[in-house]
Amino acid sequence: MSYSLDFRKKILRIREQEGLSIRETANRFHSVP
């Protein structure tokens, strides 16, 4: 399953704004790193 480019950009923007690690970001969005 692939996610839309807009969704991926949104996740990366949130990750950068909140200073999240890859693992924290994956946990937040319930995905696998």
PDB file of N, CA and C in Angstrom:
ATOM      1  N   MET A   1       0.851  -1.184   0.000  1.00  0.00           N
ATOM      2  CA  MET A   1       0.000   0.000   0.000  1.00  0.00           C
ATOM      3  C   MET A   1       0.890   1.238   0.000  1.00  0.00           C
ATOM      4  N   SER A   2       0.601   2.146  -0.894  1.00  0.00           N
ATOM      5  CA  SER A   2       1.378   3.381  -0.897  1.00  0.00           C
ATOM      6  C   SER A   2       0.462   4.552  -0.531  1.00  0.00           C
ATOM      7  N   TYR A   3       1.081   5.549   0.055  1.00  0.00           N
ATOM      8  CA  TYR A   3       0.337   6.724   0.485  1.00  0.00           C
ATOM      9  C   TYR A   3       0.511   7.831  -0.541  1.00  0.00           C
ATOM     10  N   SER A   4      -0.443   8.733  -0.595  1.00  0.00           N
ATOM     11  CA  SER A   4      -0.358   9.842  -1.528  1.00  0.00           C
ATOM     12  C   SER A   4       0.813  10.747  -1.165  1.00  0.00           C
ATOM     13  N   LEU A   5       1.316  11.437  -2.155  1.00  0.00           N
ATOM     14  CA  LEU A   5       2.434  12.348  -1.936  1.00  0.00           C
ATOM     15  C   LEU A   5       2.059  13.428  -0.928  1.00  0.00           C
ATOM     16  N   ASP A   6       0.832  13.933  -0.996  1.00  0.00           N
ATOM     17  CA  ASP A   6       0.387  14.963  -0.051  1.00  0.00           C
ATOM     18  C   ASP A   6       0.441  14.458   1.387  1.00  0.00           C
ATOM     19  N   PHE A   7      -0.005  13.216   1.598  1.00  0.00           N
ATOM     20  CA  PHE A   7       0.002  12.643   2.946  1.00  0.00           C
ATOM     21  C   PHE A   7       1.428  12.484   3.454  1.00  0.00           C
ATOM     22  N   ARG A   8       2.326  11.991   2.590  1.00  0.00           N
ATOM     23  CA  ARG A   8       3.723  11.814   3.000  1.00  0.00           C
ATOM     24  C   ARG A   8       4.377  13.149   3.337  1.00  0.00           C
ATOM     25  N   LYS A   9       4.089  14.177   2.547  1.00  0.00           N
ATOM     26  CA  LYS A   9       4.649  15.505   2.830  1.00  0.00           C
ATOM     27  C   LYS A   9       4.115  16.045   4.154  1.00  0.00           C
ATOM     28  N   LYS A  10       2.832  15.809   4.428  1.00  0.00           N
ATOM     29  CA  LYS A  10       2.227  16.262   5.683  1.00  0.00           C
ATOM     30  C   LYS A  10       2.914  15.600   6.870  1.00  0.00           C
ATOM     31  N   ILE A  11       3.146  14.282   6.775  1.00  0.00           N
ATOM     32  CA  ILE A  11       3.815  13.563   7.858  1.00  0.00           C
ATOM     33  C   ILE A  11       5.220  14.111   8.078  1.00  0.00           C
ATOM     34  N   LEU A  12       5.973  14.325   7.002  1.00  0.00           N
ATOM     35  CA  LEU A  12       7.338  14.836   7.135  1.00  0.00           C
ATOM     36  C   LEU A  12       7.350  16.244   7.720  1.00  0.00           C
ATOM     37  N   ARG A  13       6.361  17.052   7.352  1.00  0.00           N
ATOM     38  CA  ARG A  13       6.274  18.414   7.895  1.00  0.00           C
ATOM     39  C   ARG A  13       6.004  18.363   9.400  1.00  0.00           C
ATOM     40  N   ILE A  14       5.081  17.509   9.825  1.00  0.00           N
ATOM     41  CA  ILE A  14       4.776  17.363  11.252  1.00  0.00           C
ATOM     42  C   ILE A  14       5.996  16.838  11.996  1.00  0.00           C
ATOM     43  N   ARG A  15       6.677  15.850  11.392  1.00  0.00           N
ATOM     44  CA  ARG A  15       7.880  15.284  12.025  1.00  0.00           C
ATOM     45  C   ARG A  15       8.919  16.378  12.269  1.00  0.00           C
ATOM     46  N   GLU A  16       9.136  17.219  11.276  1.00  0.00           N
ATOM     47  CA  GLU A  16      10.122  18.292  11.402  1.00  0.00           C
ATOM     48  C   GLU A  16       9.688  19.324  12.443  1.00  0.00           C
ATOM     49  N   GLN A  17       8.428  19.724  12.414  1.00  0.00           N
ATOM     50  CA  GLN A  17       7.924  20.741  13.337  1.00  0.00           C
ATOM     51  C   GLN A  17       8.008  20.285  14.789  1.00  0.00           C
ATOM     52  N   GLU A  18       7.733  19.011  15.027  1.00  0.00           N
ATOM     53  CA  GLU A  18       7.680  18.498  16.396  1.00  0.00           C
ATOM     54  C   GLU A  18       8.963  17.806  16.830  1.00  0.00           C
ATOM     55  N   GLY A  19       9.947  17.721  15.930  1.00  0.00           N
ATOM     56  CA  GLY A  19      11.222  17.109  16.273  1.00  0.00           C
ATOM     57  C   GLY A  19      11.118  15.627  16.592  1.00  0.00           C
ATOM     58  N   LEU A  20      10.254  14.920  15.877  1.00  0.00           N
ATOM     59  CA  LEU A  20      10.040  13.500  16.141  1.00  0.00           C
ATOM     60  C   LEU A  20      11.091  12.642  15.440  1.00  0.00           C
ATOM     61  N   SER A  21      11.403  11.498  16.039  1.00  0.00           N
ATOM     62  CA  SER A  21      12.270  10.517  15.386  1.00  0.00           C
ATOM     63  C   SER A  21      11.429   9.744  14.370  1.00  0.00           C
ATOM     64  N   ILE A  22      12.112   8.941  13.555  1.00  0.00           N
ATOM     65  CA  ILE A  22      11.387   8.100  12.600  1.00  0.00           C
ATOM     66  C   ILE A  22      10.441   7.163  13.348  1.00  0.00           C
ATOM     67  N   ARG A  23      10.932   6.543  14.420  1.00  0.00           N
ATOM     68  CA  ARG A  23      10.112   5.597  15.189  1.00  0.00           C
ATOM     69  C   ARG A  23       8.918   6.315  15.831  1.00  0.00           C
ATOM     70  N   GLU A  24       9.137   7.489  16.402  1.00  0.00           N
ATOM     71  CA  GLU A  24       8.031   8.241  17.015  1.00  0.00           C
ATOM     72  C   GLU A  24       6.988   8.619  15.961  1.00  0.00           C
ATOM     73  N   THR A  25       7.472   9.000  14.787  1.00  0.00           N
ATOM     74  CA  THR A  25       6.558   9.361  13.705  1.00  0.00           C
ATOM     75  C   THR A  25       5.749   8.148  13.265  1.00  0.00           C
ATOM     76  N   ALA A  26       6.414   7.004  13.110  1.00  0.00           N
ATOM     77  CA  ALA A  26       5.721   5.772  12.711  1.00  0.00           C
ATOM     78  C   ALA A  26       4.679   5.384  13.750  1.00  0.00           C
ATOM     79  N   ASN A  27       5.036   5.485  15.029  1.00  0.00           N
ATOM     80  CA  ASN A  27       4.080   5.149  16.092  1.00  0.00           C
ATOM     81  C   ASN A  27       2.880   6.091  16.061  1.00  0.00           C
ATOM     82  N   ARG A  28       3.147   7.353  15.833  1.00  0.00           N
ATOM     83  CA  ARG A  28       2.062   8.335  15.820  1.00  0.00           C
ATOM     84  C   ARG A  28       1.071   8.063  14.688  1.00  0.00           C
ATOM     85  N   PHE A  29       1.591   7.678  13.535  1.00  0.00           N
ATOM     86  CA  PHE A  29       0.729   7.454  12.375  1.00  0.00           C
ATOM     87  C   PHE A  29       0.459   5.972  12.128  1.00  0.00           C
ATOM     88  N   HIS A  30       0.836   5.115  13.092  1.00  0.00           N
ATOM     89  CA  HIS A  30       0.553   3.676  13.033  1.00  0.00           C
ATOM     90  C   HIS A  30       1.064   3.034  11.751  1.00  0.00           C
ATOM     91  N   SER A  31       2.312   3.351  11.402  1.00  0.00           N
ATOM     92  CA  SER A  31       2.920   2.751  10.217  1.00  0.00           C
ATOM     93  C   SER A  31       4.259   2.137  10.592  1.00  0.00           C
ATOM     94  N   VAL A  32       4.822   1.392   9.700  1.00  0.00           N
ATOM     95  CA  VAL A  32       6.105   0.729   9.942  1.00  0.00           C
ATOM     96  C   VAL A  32       7.219   1.601   9.383  1.00  0.00           C
ATOM     97  N   PRO A  33       8.294   1.830  10.176  1.00  0.00           N
ATOM     98  CA  PRO A  33       9.396   2.676   9.667  1.00  0.00           C
ATOM     99  C   PRO A  33      10.137   2.024   8.522  1.00  0.00           C
TER     100      PRO A  33
END
